[in-house]
Every structure is written in C-alpha cells, then in structure tokens.
C-alpha cells in the first residue's frame, strides 16, 4: 500500500512537470483567472510566454486584479467579455490592442468559464494569440497594395507561356482606359500598338533579350482601349511567381508628354540651328582654357577658316597681338559672372587680314562652375575704315583751314596798310581844301578893300 501511494505520488509529480513544461512552452499566452464577487477577476497563473510577451514579472501579475495588470484602455472591454462567458457559459473570442512594457501588442483573446460541482463559475481559462506580427504584415501588405495602386507607373504580370495578363495595378488599367480587373486574363497583344513590327514580332525580339540577360528596357508604342496610340518606357524582367509560375514583370511609364516635349525641343533646336548658322553676327563658344568649342557659319566665312580648322583654334590664335591681353582680361571677367558688352577687339583672319569687331560676352555655368563663354561679335571693319577716313579728312581739313587762315591774315595786313594810306591821303585833301578856302577868303577880302 505504501509503495503504491509512493508510485502514485511520483506519477502525479511527473504529470505536473509535463503539464508545467507544456504550459510554459506554448507559444500562446495562457492565463488562469479566479472569479470573485463584485466582478473581481484575479490572476492565479500565467505561463512564461505571457511574461515574455508583455515584459511583466510574475510578481507584477500573480495575485493581482486585472485592473492592476491590464492597460486601463481595455478594462471595460475585457470585463464585459468575461461576464458574457460566465453568463452564457461559453467560450468568448475578441481582438484587442494593449500596451505593455514591451510595446503595443495586437492580439486575439479567448476565455472559457470553469465551473465547480455546484455549477458556479470559479475560474476563467484564457489564451492570447499575439497578432502583432500578422497585423504588421497585413499593414505592410495594405501599404504595398496602396503603393501599387497609386504609383505613377503601370505594372502588370504576363504568363511566360500563355502571354495572358495575370495581374495589373490600377494605374496600368487606367493608363489603357480599362476598368479595374478587366484586363486580367486577356492576351497582352491588346496593349501593343503596331509599329514597323507586329505586336508578336515586338514581343519575340524582347523575349530574345530577356532570355539572354534576364531584363529589357526601352520605349514601346501602346494602344488604349479607344484606339489612341501613346508611348511608354518599359522595364521588363522575369521571375518565378508562386502561383503563376514563370512570369514577365513589366513596369510602364507613360512618356507621351515627354515625347511631345522632346519633339518641341527638337523643333526648337532646329530653329536655333537655323538662326545660329544664318546669323549676321559672328558667334563663338569658348572653353575656360580659351579653346574655341563652337562657331557659326558667319564666323567661318569672315575669318576664312574651315569647320575642321576651327576645331584646333584658341582665342589667342585669332586676335591681333596687341589686343590679346585686354581681350583675355574680358574673358576672365565673364568667367566670374560679369556680362561684358560693347567691347572692341581686332580679329586676324587665316590669311592675315584684320577684322575689327564689337562684341558681347556671357558666361555659361553648371553647378556654380564656369564651363564656357558665348561671344557674339559684329563686324565693324567698314565702320572703322569710315571712321579712319573721316579722321584723316578732319586732319586734312584742319590743315587747310590753318593755311587759309594764315593766307587771310596776310591779306588783311596788306589791306590794313592800304587803308592807312587811303586815310592819310583823304586827310591831306581835307587840309588842302581848307587851305584853299582860306586863301580864297583872303583874296576876296583884299579885292573888296581895293574897291
């Protein structure tokens, strides 16, 4: 009898150890609540997972009322669920979010009432399944879905074997004028507009590159549901999908507006080139080192160089020696951001002829660094020659004026001498007439006296 009792006690201890081992190694949180009067629920036992997940110690939990352990935000919820389980004598399930020392925990809770022989509920056995990771995964999945549906690019999967569209994001379907989900299951040819190749030929050429490198990218011409053609830039690759097998992932960016802009830019460049080559001014582009990078047709014609010859020239090769220092000084000013206008210099043609020019200079900068200068020059040789002729004529005129003035001064002196002679004679005549008058008076008076 004693041996039998000892064996029973040993078996019981062994069973307790097994139960305790299982209890503490379960991945769910397990707890036992004592049900006391006045809606009081007190923790009698929790497993190790409960403590690990919440970050609480056994002393902080065992023997404590739920209000002392659980966050205040869930008190009313859990008490109502406990009472529901007790009153309806059933297992109750619910989800809740609680904050513990380890952080926020999203979990699914289950409680089951335990009754004694009299049918009175004495305990509640509960389990808590941590949904935090699943919730995070779901949130991340929803975020990815939102990104996929709101991303600027259209994305779709094509079966490698059947060429059927397996999946698209909303952007792709909106891009082609279809309703959500309408394109799934259709042949991919419905989106490929015919160009110089048929859609099949286009797909085959892309597949050849995919087989060799695993990816392809380039411009493709697509067609919308209403027949409108438009351009996309596609990035294509292949991978193994767990559901669809080997698929092609294609990301399309609508580049219609970019193509329009490129066309407009190209047309503008053509216009600029026409203006550049047909300008009446000499235009040159010069690097920071003084090397001539670009010139227009008028420049080549005026300075008598070919386009190939101009590629090897520097600014100092085309400027008269006495003009090099001041001209390079102006270039240094342009490199500092100064706008130079109305300066004059003298170019020397390939054949040694001097060309007088008047120019304006502006710098081109990238990221604040001077990369080149644009010079626009007007040939003022004829004007300079005219100015020189005028200057020469003015000198000659001035000399002639001096000579004529000297001649006039000499004539004036002779005239003055003659005038003085004439004045003296007139004075003598007056004096003579006066004397004659006096003599005539004297003769008259004498004659009267005789009579």
Protein backbone atom coordinates (compact mmCIF):
# COMPACT_ATOMS: atom_id res chain seq x y z
CA UNK A 1 0.00 0.00 0.00
CA UNK A 2 2.79 2.42 0.85
CA UNK A 3 4.66 1.50 -2.32
CA UNK A 4 1.51 2.06 -4.39
CA UNK A 5 0.93 5.50 -2.86
CA UNK A 6 4.53 6.43 -3.46
CA UNK A 7 4.21 5.42 -7.11
CA UNK A 8 1.02 7.43 -7.49
CA UNK A 9 2.68 10.46 -5.95
CA UNK A 10 5.66 10.03 -8.28
CA UNK A 11 3.35 9.74 -11.32
CA UNK A 12 1.46 12.81 -10.19
CA UNK A 13 4.67 14.82 -9.82
CA UNK A 14 5.82 13.61 -13.23
CA UNK A 15 2.50 14.62 -14.77
CA UNK A 16 2.73 18.06 -13.12
CA UNK A 17 6.20 18.53 -14.56
CA UNK A 18 4.99 17.54 -18.04
CA UNK A 19 1.98 19.84 -17.78
CA UNK A 20 4.18 22.67 -16.47
CA UNK A 21 6.67 22.06 -19.29
CA UNK A 22 3.90 22.16 -21.90
CA UNK A 23 2.24 25.16 -20.21
CA UNK A 24 5.43 27.23 -20.25
CA UNK A 25 6.49 26.30 -23.77
CA UNK A 26 3.23 27.11 -25.54
CA UNK A 27 3.65 29.98 -28.00
CA UNK A 28 0.31 31.49 -26.98
CA UNK A 29 -0.10 33.38 -23.72
CA UNK A 30 -2.09 31.31 -21.21
CA UNK A 31 -3.63 32.66 -18.02
CA UNK A 32 -5.98 31.49 -15.24
CA UNK A 33 -8.26 33.98 -13.52
CA UNK A 34 -10.06 33.44 -10.23
CA UNK A 35 -13.64 34.71 -10.37
CA UNK A 36 -14.53 36.60 -7.19
CA UNK A 37 -17.66 38.50 -6.15
CA UNK A 38 -18.45 42.00 -7.45
CA UNK A 39 -16.89 41.39 -10.88
CA UNK A 40 -13.45 40.88 -9.45
CA UNK A 41 -11.08 38.83 -11.56
CA UNK A 42 -7.67 37.95 -10.15
CA UNK A 43 -4.66 36.33 -11.86
CA UNK A 44 -3.83 32.95 -10.32
CA UNK A 45 -1.46 31.70 -13.00
CA UNK A 46 0.21 32.76 -16.27
CA UNK A 47 2.69 30.92 -18.47
CA UNK A 48 6.17 32.07 -19.32
CA UNK A 49 5.07 33.30 -22.78
CA UNK A 50 2.64 35.73 -21.11
CA UNK A 51 5.51 37.24 -19.13
CA UNK A 52 7.92 37.30 -22.09
CA UNK A 53 5.48 38.97 -24.45
CA UNK A 54 4.20 41.60 -22.00
CA UNK A 55 7.52 42.25 -20.27
CA UNK A 56 5.89 41.91 -16.85
CA UNK A 57 7.33 39.90 -13.93
CA UNK A 58 5.47 37.13 -12.18
CA UNK A 59 5.30 39.30 -9.06
CA UNK A 60 3.58 42.04 -11.05
CA UNK A 61 0.88 39.63 -12.21
CA UNK A 62 0.13 36.73 -9.83
CA UNK A 63 -2.44 37.62 -7.17
CA UNK A 64 -3.24 40.95 -8.84
CA UNK A 65 -6.63 42.06 -10.10
CA UNK A 66 -6.85 42.51 -13.86
CA UNK A 67 -7.18 46.29 -13.36
CA UNK A 68 -3.69 46.22 -11.83
CA UNK A 69 -2.17 44.31 -14.76
CA UNK A 70 -4.04 45.14 -17.92
CA UNK A 71 -3.96 48.64 -19.50
CA UNK A 72 -6.84 50.87 -18.48
CA UNK A 73 -7.91 51.24 -22.10
CA UNK A 74 -9.14 47.60 -22.19
CA UNK A 75 -10.70 47.26 -18.70
CA UNK A 76 -14.32 47.74 -19.74
CA UNK A 77 -13.91 45.53 -22.82
CA UNK A 78 -12.38 42.51 -21.06
CA UNK A 79 -14.74 42.65 -18.06
CA UNK A 80 -17.75 42.68 -20.40
CA UNK A 81 -16.33 39.67 -22.27
CA UNK A 82 -15.59 37.80 -19.01
CA UNK A 83 -19.15 38.38 -17.81
CA UNK A 84 -20.50 37.26 -21.20
CA UNK A 85 -18.57 33.98 -20.94
CA UNK A 86 -19.83 33.39 -17.40
CA UNK A 87 -23.46 34.30 -18.00
CA UNK A 88 -23.78 32.42 -21.31
CA UNK A 89 -21.45 29.62 -20.20
CA UNK A 90 -19.49 29.63 -23.41
CA UNK A 91 -16.09 30.37 -24.84
CA UNK A 92 -15.84 34.01 -25.96
CA UNK A 93 -13.44 35.43 -28.59
CA UNK A 94 -12.37 39.00 -29.33
CA UNK A 95 -9.46 41.08 -30.61
CA UNK A 96 -7.78 43.80 -28.60
CA UNK A 97 -4.77 46.08 -28.68
CA UNK A 98 -2.86 46.61 -25.43
CA UNK A 99 0.30 48.46 -24.49
CA UNK A 100 2.79 46.78 -22.16
CA UNK A 101 6.43 47.46 -21.25
CA UNK A 102 7.47 45.63 -24.42
CA UNK A 103 5.27 47.86 -26.57
CA UNK A 104 1.93 47.67 -28.32
CA UNK A 105 0.51 44.16 -28.74
CA UNK A 106 -2.31 43.29 -31.12
CA UNK A 107 -3.84 40.02 -30.04
CA UNK A 108 -6.81 37.63 -30.27
CA UNK A 109 -8.16 36.65 -26.81
CA UNK A 110 -10.18 33.56 -25.83
CA UNK A 111 -11.72 32.89 -22.39
CA UNK A 112 -13.59 29.77 -21.23
CA UNK A 113 -15.53 29.51 -17.94
CA UNK A 114 -14.64 26.73 -15.41
CA UNK A 115 -17.47 25.66 -13.04
CA UNK A 116 -17.45 23.59 -9.86
CA UNK A 117 -19.75 20.70 -8.98
CA UNK A 118 -22.48 23.16 -8.00
CA UNK A 119 -22.29 24.86 -11.41
CA UNK A 120 -20.72 28.01 -10.07
CA UNK A 121 -18.04 29.64 -12.27
CA UNK A 122 -14.90 29.75 -10.17
CA UNK A 123 -12.28 30.40 -12.83
CA UNK A 124 -11.71 31.62 -16.36
CA UNK A 125 -9.08 29.99 -18.53
CA UNK A 126 -7.77 32.32 -21.17
CA UNK A 127 -5.40 32.24 -24.09
CA UNK A 128 -3.94 35.15 -26.03
CA UNK A 129 -2.63 34.76 -29.56
CA UNK A 130 -0.19 37.51 -30.49
CA UNK A 131 -1.29 39.04 -33.82
CA UNK A 132 1.23 41.86 -33.78
CA UNK A 133 3.46 40.42 -36.50
CA UNK A 134 0.44 39.39 -38.57
CA UNK A 135 -1.06 42.85 -38.10
CA UNK A 136 2.22 44.43 -39.14
CA UNK A 137 2.37 42.11 -42.15
CA UNK A 138 -1.23 42.98 -43.04
CA UNK A 139 -0.50 46.68 -42.65
CA UNK A 140 2.61 46.31 -44.79
CA UNK A 141 0.60 44.36 -47.37
CA UNK A 142 -2.07 47.06 -47.42
CA UNK A 143 0.65 49.70 -47.73
CA UNK A 144 2.23 47.83 -50.64
CA UNK A 145 -1.18 47.49 -52.27
CA UNK A 146 -1.81 51.22 -51.82
CA UNK A 147 1.61 51.97 -53.30
CA UNK A 148 0.99 49.64 -56.24
CA UNK A 149 -2.38 51.26 -56.96
CA UNK A 150 -1.18 54.84 -56.58
CA UNK A 151 2.30 54.61 -58.06
CA UNK A 152 2.88 56.68 -61.19
CA UNK A 153 3.91 53.61 -63.21
CA UNK A 154 1.62 50.96 -64.64
CA UNK A 155 2.62 47.42 -63.61
CA UNK A 156 1.46 44.06 -64.93
CA UNK A 157 2.40 40.38 -64.92
CA UNK A 158 2.29 38.24 -68.06
CA UNK A 159 2.42 34.45 -68.14
CA UNK A 160 5.61 33.44 -69.91
CA UNK A 161 3.96 30.50 -71.66
CA UNK A 162 0.44 31.73 -72.45
CA UNK A 163 1.09 35.52 -72.78
CA UNK A 164 -2.01 36.17 -70.70
CA UNK A 165 -2.18 39.15 -68.34
CA UNK A 166 -2.18 37.63 -64.83
CA UNK A 167 -2.27 40.79 -62.70
CA UNK A 168 -2.21 44.56 -63.07
CA UNK A 169 -2.25 47.52 -60.74
CA UNK A 170 -5.00 50.12 -61.08
CA UNK A 171 -2.65 52.64 -62.69
CA UNK A 172 -1.93 50.28 -65.58
CA UNK A 173 -5.61 49.72 -66.31
CA UNK A 174 -6.44 53.43 -66.01
CA UNK A 175 -3.49 54.15 -68.31
CA UNK A 176 -5.07 51.98 -71.01
CA UNK A 177 -8.68 53.03 -70.36
CA UNK A 178 -9.92 49.78 -68.77
CA UNK A 179 -11.89 49.16 -65.58
CA UNK A 180 -10.13 47.53 -62.59
CA UNK A 181 -9.65 43.81 -63.20
CA UNK A 182 -10.96 43.95 -66.76
CA UNK A 183 -7.59 43.28 -68.39
CA UNK A 184 -6.75 40.19 -66.34
CA UNK A 185 -6.93 37.03 -68.44
CA UNK A 186 -6.62 38.83 -71.77
CA UNK A 187 -3.81 38.46 -74.30
CA UNK A 188 -1.06 41.05 -73.86
CA UNK A 189 -1.35 41.96 -77.56
CA UNK A 190 -4.33 44.21 -76.72
CA UNK A 191 -1.92 46.83 -75.32
CA UNK A 192 0.74 46.75 -78.05
CA UNK A 193 0.23 49.18 -80.93
CA UNK A 194 1.56 48.07 -84.32
CA UNK A 195 4.65 49.94 -85.47
CA UNK A 196 7.15 48.72 -88.04
CA UNK A 197 6.75 45.34 -86.34
CA UNK A 198 3.65 43.43 -85.33
CA UNK A 199 2.97 43.03 -81.57
CA UNK A 200 4.11 39.40 -81.86
CA UNK A 201 7.38 40.38 -83.54
CA UNK A 202 7.95 43.05 -80.91
CA UNK A 203 7.34 40.53 -78.11
CA UNK A 204 9.66 37.96 -79.72
CA UNK A 205 12.51 40.49 -80.01
CA UNK A 206 12.04 41.47 -76.35
CA UNK A 207 11.97 37.80 -75.32
CA UNK A 208 15.27 37.19 -77.10
CA UNK A 209 16.91 39.84 -74.92
CA UNK A 210 15.17 38.54 -71.78
CA UNK A 211 16.46 35.03 -72.38
CA UNK A 212 19.99 36.35 -72.76
CA UNK A 213 20.16 38.96 -69.98
CA UNK A 214 17.03 38.48 -67.86
CA UNK A 215 15.85 42.04 -68.42
CA UNK A 216 14.93 44.52 -71.14
CA UNK A 217 14.13 48.20 -71.16
CA UNK A 218 13.18 50.63 -73.86
CA UNK A 219 10.41 52.65 -75.48
CA UNK A 220 7.26 50.87 -76.68
CA UNK A 221 4.24 52.16 -78.53
CA UNK A 222 0.99 51.13 -76.86
CA UNK A 223 -2.69 51.41 -77.73
CA UNK A 224 -5.55 52.37 -75.42
CA UNK A 225 -8.99 50.83 -75.40
CA UNK A 226 -10.34 53.68 -77.54
CA UNK A 227 -7.62 53.15 -80.16
CA UNK A 228 -5.40 56.05 -79.08
CA UNK A 229 -1.70 55.37 -79.54
CA UNK A 230 0.77 56.53 -76.91
CA UNK A 231 4.38 55.94 -75.89
CA UNK A 232 5.66 54.23 -72.74
CA UNK A 233 9.08 53.47 -71.35
CA UNK A 234 9.09 49.83 -70.22
CA UNK A 235 11.33 47.99 -67.75
CA UNK A 236 10.85 44.26 -68.22
CA UNK A 237 12.20 41.29 -66.26
CA UNK A 238 11.29 37.68 -65.50
CA UNK A 239 10.89 35.79 -62.23
CA UNK A 240 9.17 32.73 -60.74
CA UNK A 241 5.77 33.54 -59.23
CA UNK A 242 4.49 31.11 -56.55
CA UNK A 243 1.04 30.98 -58.17
CA UNK A 244 1.55 31.74 -61.86
CA UNK A 245 4.92 30.11 -62.43
CA UNK A 246 7.48 31.96 -64.56
CA UNK A 247 6.12 35.39 -65.42
CA UNK A 248 7.22 38.62 -67.05
CA UNK A 249 7.07 41.71 -64.88
CA UNK A 250 6.63 44.87 -66.93
CA UNK A 251 6.67 48.38 -65.50
CA UNK A 252 5.36 51.04 -67.90
CA UNK A 253 5.82 54.79 -67.59
CA UNK A 254 3.69 56.96 -69.84
CA UNK A 255 6.15 59.19 -71.72
CA UNK A 256 3.65 60.78 -74.11
CA UNK A 257 4.21 64.26 -72.68
CA UNK A 258 7.96 63.70 -72.66
CA UNK A 259 7.86 62.68 -76.32
CA UNK A 260 5.88 65.83 -77.11
CA UNK A 261 8.39 67.90 -75.17
CA UNK A 262 11.28 66.17 -76.97
CA UNK A 263 9.64 66.87 -80.32
CA UNK A 264 9.08 70.51 -79.39
CA UNK A 265 12.67 70.74 -78.15
CA UNK A 266 13.95 69.15 -81.34
CA UNK A 267 11.95 71.61 -83.44
CA UNK A 268 13.25 74.45 -81.28
CA UNK A 269 16.82 73.20 -81.69
CA UNK A 270 16.33 73.12 -85.46
CA UNK A 271 15.09 76.70 -85.28
CA UNK A 272 18.04 77.70 -83.13
CA UNK A 273 20.46 76.00 -85.50
CA UNK A 274 18.95 77.85 -88.47
CA UNK A 275 19.25 81.14 -86.60
CA UNK A 276 22.75 80.24 -85.41
CA UNK A 277 24.06 79.37 -88.85
CA UNK A 278 22.31 82.23 -90.63
CA UNK A 279 23.02 84.97 -88.11
CA UNK A 280 24.72 88.08 -89.47
CA UNK A 281 26.94 88.21 -86.39
CA UNK A 282 29.99 86.12 -85.64
CA UNK A 283 29.18 83.67 -82.79
CA UNK A 284 31.71 81.59 -80.91
CA UNK A 285 31.71 79.39 -77.83
CA UNK A 286 34.95 79.32 -75.82
CA UNK A 287 36.04 76.98 -73.03
CA UNK A 288 37.66 78.08 -69.73
CA UNK A 289 41.09 77.37 -71.24
CA UNK A 290 40.44 79.67 -74.22
CA UNK A 291 39.85 76.84 -76.69
CA UNK A 292 37.22 77.62 -79.33
CA UNK A 293 34.47 74.99 -78.98
CA UNK A 294 31.83 76.11 -81.46
CA UNK A 295 31.44 78.73 -84.20
CA UNK A 296 28.72 79.62 -86.69
CA UNK A 297 28.84 79.87 -90.47
CA UNK A 298 29.31 83.67 -90.48
CA UNK A 299 32.35 83.27 -88.21
CA UNK A 300 33.90 80.72 -90.57
CA UNK A 301 33.23 82.85 -93.65
CA UNK A 302 34.59 86.04 -92.08
CA UNK A 303 37.76 84.54 -90.60
CA UNK A 304 38.31 82.29 -93.65
CA UNK A 305 38.61 79.00 -91.75
CA UNK A 306 37.01 75.63 -92.46
CA UNK A 307 34.93 73.92 -89.80
CA UNK A 308 37.68 71.34 -89.21
CA UNK A 309 40.38 74.02 -88.91
CA UNK A 310 38.31 75.96 -86.37
CA UNK A 311 38.28 72.95 -84.02
CA UNK A 312 42.02 73.35 -83.35
CA UNK A 313 41.96 77.10 -82.68
CA UNK A 314 42.25 79.06 -79.47
CA UNK A 315 41.14 82.63 -78.84
CA UNK A 316 44.73 83.83 -78.92
CA UNK A 317 45.10 82.43 -82.47
CA UNK A 318 42.55 84.82 -83.95
CA UNK A 319 43.27 88.07 -82.07
CA UNK A 320 45.84 90.67 -83.04
CA UNK A 321 48.77 90.53 -80.62
CA UNK A 322 48.25 93.95 -79.08
CA UNK A 323 44.60 93.02 -78.38
CA UNK A 324 45.24 89.63 -76.70
CA UNK A 325 45.82 90.89 -73.14
CA UNK A 326 42.71 93.13 -72.92
CA UNK A 327 40.51 90.53 -74.64
CA UNK A 328 41.62 87.71 -72.30
CA UNK A 329 41.03 90.04 -69.37
CA UNK A 330 37.42 90.41 -70.50
CA UNK A 331 37.12 86.60 -70.75
CA UNK A 332 38.29 86.31 -67.14
CA UNK A 333 35.57 88.77 -66.15
CA UNK A 334 32.97 86.67 -67.92
CA UNK A 335 34.26 83.61 -66.01
CA UNK A 336 33.49 85.49 -62.78
CA UNK A 337 29.90 86.09 -63.84
CA UNK A 338 30.27 89.52 -65.40
CA UNK A 339 28.28 90.39 -68.53
CA UNK A 340 30.56 92.20 -70.96
CA UNK A 341 29.04 94.32 -73.71
CA UNK A 342 30.19 96.79 -76.35
CA UNK A 343 33.89 95.91 -76.24
CA UNK A 344 36.02 96.16 -79.36
CA UNK A 345 38.88 93.98 -80.50
CA UNK A 346 40.65 93.00 -83.72
CA UNK A 347 40.46 89.51 -85.24
CA UNK A 348 43.06 88.23 -87.68
CA UNK A 349 41.79 86.01 -90.49
CA UNK A 350 43.55 82.87 -91.63
CA UNK A 351 45.09 84.94 -94.43
CA UNK A 352 46.26 87.75 -92.13
CA UNK A 353 43.52 90.28 -92.82
CA UNK A 354 42.43 92.46 -89.89
CA UNK A 355 38.76 92.39 -88.91
CA UNK A 356 37.50 94.97 -86.43
CA UNK A 357 34.67 93.60 -84.25
CA UNK A 358 32.40 94.82 -81.47
CA UNK A 359 31.18 92.11 -79.11
CA UNK A 360 29.14 90.99 -76.13
CA UNK A 361 30.12 88.13 -73.82
CA UNK A 362 28.18 85.97 -71.35
CA UNK A 363 29.23 83.01 -69.25
CA UNK A 364 27.60 79.58 -69.01
CA UNK A 365 27.76 77.96 -65.57
CA UNK A 366 26.88 74.48 -64.26
CA UNK A 367 26.53 73.88 -60.52
CA UNK A 368 28.15 77.27 -59.99
CA UNK A 369 31.20 76.36 -62.09
CA UNK A 370 32.16 78.31 -65.22
CA UNK A 371 32.17 75.94 -68.21
CA UNK A 372 32.15 78.20 -71.28
CA UNK A 373 31.61 81.70 -72.65
CA UNK A 374 29.43 82.77 -75.56
CA UNK A 375 30.69 85.69 -77.62
CA UNK A 376 28.59 87.46 -80.24
CA UNK A 377 30.57 89.83 -82.49
CA UNK A 378 29.59 92.34 -85.16
CA UNK A 379 31.99 93.06 -88.00
CA UNK A 380 32.66 96.81 -87.78
CA UNK A 381 35.59 96.88 -90.19
CA UNK A 382 33.79 99.10 -92.70
CA UNK A 383 32.68 101.42 -89.93
CA UNK A 384 36.22 101.60 -88.59
CA UNK A 385 37.55 102.35 -92.06
CA UNK A 386 34.94 105.07 -92.48
CA UNK A 387 35.92 106.49 -89.09
CA UNK A 388 39.58 106.46 -90.15
CA UNK A 389 38.69 108.22 -93.41
CA UNK A 390 36.70 110.82 -91.50
CA UNK A 391 39.56 111.28 -89.06
CA UNK A 392 42.03 111.68 -91.94
CA UNK A 393 39.71 114.11 -93.72
CA UNK A 394 39.32 116.09 -90.48
CA UNK A 395 43.09 116.34 -90.15
CA UNK A 396 43.41 117.49 -93.76
CA UNK A 397 40.54 119.93 -93.34
CA UNK A 398 42.10 121.32 -90.21
CA UNK A 399 45.41 121.84 -92.03
CA UNK A 400 43.67 123.53 -94.94
CA UNK A 401 41.80 125.78 -92.50
CA UNK A 402 45.09 126.73 -90.85
CA UNK A 403 46.68 127.51 -94.21
CA UNK A 404 43.67 129.52 -95.38
CA UNK A 405 43.58 131.38 -92.09
CA UNK A 406 47.25 132.33 -92.43
CA UNK A 407 46.64 133.50 -96.00
CA UNK A 408 43.69 135.61 -94.91
CA UNK A 409 45.71 137.12 -92.08
CA UNK A 410 48.41 138.14 -94.57
CA UNK A 411 45.84 139.71 -96.91
CA UNK A 412 44.29 141.54 -94.00
CA UNK A 413 47.66 143.04 -93.11
CA UNK A 414 48.13 144.30 -96.71
CA UNK A 415 44.63 145.70 -96.72
CA UNK A 416 45.25 147.46 -93.46
CA UNK A 417 48.38 149.13 -94.90
CA UNK A 418 46.43 150.23 -97.94
CA UNK A 419 43.60 151.51 -95.76
CA UNK A 420 46.07 153.52 -93.74
CA UNK A 421 47.43 155.05 -97.00
CA UNK A 422 43.97 155.93 -98.22
CA UNK A 423 43.05 157.51 -94.89
CA UNK A 424 46.23 159.70 -94.92
CA UNK A 425 45.53 160.96 -98.43
CA UNK A 426 41.95 161.82 -97.52
CA UNK A 427 43.18 163.80 -94.52
CA UNK A 428 45.68 165.73 -96.69
CA UNK A 429 42.95 166.52 -99.23
CA UNK A 430 40.72 167.89 -96.48
CA UNK A 431 43.57 170.02 -95.17
CA UNK A 432 44.33 171.28 -98.70
CA UNK A 433 40.72 172.15 -99.35
CA UNK A 434 40.63 174.01 -96.08
CA UNK A 435 43.73 175.96 -97.03
CA UNK A 436 42.31 176.82 -100.47
CA UNK A 437 39.13 178.08 -98.81
CA UNK A 438 41.16 180.32 -96.53
CA UNK A 439 43.17 181.69 -99.44
CA UNK A 440 40.04 182.38 -101.44
CA UNK A 441 38.64 184.24 -98.43
CA UNK A 442 41.79 186.31 -98.12
CA UNK A 443 41.72 187.16 -101.84
CA UNK A 444 38.12 188.19 -101.59
CA UNK A 445 38.73 190.44 -98.64
CA UNK A 446 41.72 192.05 -100.39
CA UNK A 447 39.77 192.65 -103.53
CA UNK A 448 36.95 194.30 -101.55
CA UNK A 449 39.41 196.58 -99.83
CA UNK A 450 40.79 197.82 -103.13
CA UNK A 451 37.37 198.60 -104.37
